[in-house]
Amino acid sequence: MYALDVYEELKKLKDDPEAFAKRQKEILDEAISNSPKKYQEKLKQQLWCQDKQLNKFKDPTARMNKMIEIFWGGVHTFKVTLKGNAIKSESCTKAKIIPFKK
């Protein structure tokens, strides 16, 4: 499926938020399952992390601005990685780890 086809399909669902969300999830799940096995878990983690960041925003404009910020952060990470440097993502790594009590 091409990006333009996906865009047109989702655009038709703009007036039905539930159908839109369902189809969006199906498309993302399909994309992850079609990726190499060794990357699937990482992709699921990134998707979960992005969802948690975006769920904080109820205003569509604020949510879009956050999506743009996430996108350009990914572009930056990709660019630095291509140069052979590693970047540690801080978006979901700020949580305090609490050990289980024995």
Protein backbone atom coordinates (compact mmCIF):
# COMPACT_ATOMS: atom_id res chain seq x y z
CA MET A 1 0.00 0.00 0.00
CA TYR A 2 1.38 3.38 -0.98
CA ALA A 3 1.38 6.41 1.32
CA LEU A 4 -0.96 8.34 -0.97
CA ASP A 5 -3.44 5.45 -0.97
CA VAL A 6 -3.34 5.31 2.84
CA TYR A 7 -3.81 9.08 3.03
CA GLU A 8 -6.83 8.97 0.72
CA GLU A 9 -8.33 6.05 2.64
CA LEU A 10 -7.92 7.75 6.01
CA LYS A 11 -9.15 11.07 4.61
CA LYS A 12 -12.47 9.40 3.75
CA LEU A 13 -12.84 8.40 7.42
CA LYS A 14 -12.30 11.92 8.81
CA ASP A 15 -15.92 12.20 9.98
CA ASP A 16 -15.88 8.86 11.80
CA PRO A 17 -13.20 9.01 14.54
CA GLU A 18 -13.76 5.42 15.67
CA ALA A 19 -13.41 3.98 12.17
CA PHE A 20 -10.40 6.21 11.57
CA ALA A 21 -8.66 5.02 14.76
CA LYS A 22 -9.45 1.37 13.97
CA ARG A 23 -8.09 1.60 10.43
CA GLN A 24 -5.05 3.55 11.59
CA LYS A 25 -4.23 0.80 14.09
CA GLU A 26 -4.67 -1.87 11.41
CA ILE A 27 -2.30 -0.03 9.04
CA LEU A 28 0.35 0.42 11.74
CA ASP A 29 0.06 -3.20 12.91
CA GLU A 30 0.39 -4.38 9.31
CA ALA A 31 3.46 -2.21 8.75
CA ILE A 32 5.11 -3.55 11.91
CA SER A 33 4.30 -7.18 11.08
CA ASN A 34 5.76 -6.70 7.58
CA SER A 35 9.03 -5.38 8.99
CA PRO A 36 11.98 -7.68 9.80
CA LYS A 37 11.40 -9.71 12.98
CA LYS A 38 14.42 -8.23 14.74
CA TYR A 39 12.91 -4.71 14.50
CA GLN A 40 9.28 -5.48 15.35
CA GLU A 41 9.59 -5.19 19.13
CA LYS A 42 11.47 -1.89 18.86
CA LEU A 43 8.86 -0.52 16.46
CA LYS A 44 6.07 -1.51 18.88
CA GLN A 45 7.93 0.24 21.69
CA GLN A 46 8.39 3.40 19.63
CA LEU A 47 4.73 3.42 18.64
CA TRP A 48 3.65 2.99 22.27
CA CYS A 49 5.99 5.78 23.33
CA GLN A 50 4.67 8.14 20.64
CA ASP A 51 1.07 7.32 21.57
CA LYS A 52 1.78 8.19 25.21
CA GLN A 53 3.35 11.50 24.20
CA LEU A 54 0.45 12.40 21.89
CA ASN A 55 -2.31 11.34 24.31
CA LYS A 56 -1.39 14.31 26.51
CA PHE A 57 -2.74 16.67 23.84
CA LYS A 58 -6.48 16.98 23.24
CA ASP A 59 -6.27 20.13 21.11
CA PRO A 60 -5.69 19.12 17.45
CA THR A 61 -3.22 21.94 16.80
CA ALA A 62 -1.13 21.15 19.87
CA ARG A 63 -1.21 17.45 18.96
CA MET A 64 -0.10 18.23 15.40
CA ASN A 65 2.75 20.38 16.72
CA LYS A 66 3.89 17.51 18.94
CA MET A 67 3.73 15.11 15.97
CA ILE A 68 5.94 17.50 14.00
CA GLU A 69 8.37 17.68 16.93
CA ILE A 70 8.50 13.87 17.14
CA PHE A 71 8.98 13.61 13.36
CA TRP A 72 11.88 16.06 13.20
CA GLY A 73 13.44 14.44 16.27
CA GLY A 74 13.39 11.17 14.34
CA VAL A 75 14.93 12.82 11.29
CA HIS A 76 17.70 14.22 13.49
CA THR A 77 18.32 10.83 15.09
CA PHE A 78 18.43 9.17 11.66
CA LYS A 79 20.86 11.79 10.34
CA VAL A 80 23.20 11.42 13.32
CA THR A 81 23.00 7.63 13.11
CA LEU A 82 24.00 7.74 9.43
CA LYS A 83 27.13 9.61 10.48
CA GLY A 84 27.98 6.67 12.77
CA ASN A 85 27.04 8.24 16.09
CA ALA A 86 24.48 6.84 18.48
CA ILE A 87 21.80 8.91 20.19
CA LYS A 88 19.97 7.76 23.26
CA SER A 89 16.31 8.70 23.05
CA GLU A 90 15.09 10.49 26.16
CA SER A 91 11.42 10.60 25.24
CA CYS A 92 10.43 7.54 27.27
CA THR A 93 13.53 6.97 29.36
CA LYS A 94 12.87 9.56 32.07
CA ALA A 95 10.79 7.19 34.18
CA LYS A 96 12.06 6.25 37.60
CA ILE A 97 12.53 2.49 37.96
CA ILE A 98 11.00 1.20 41.20
CA PRO A 99 12.19 -2.26 42.29
CA PHE A 100 9.70 -4.91 43.36
CA LYS A 101 9.56 -5.68 47.07
CA LYS A 102 10.48 -9.22 48.01
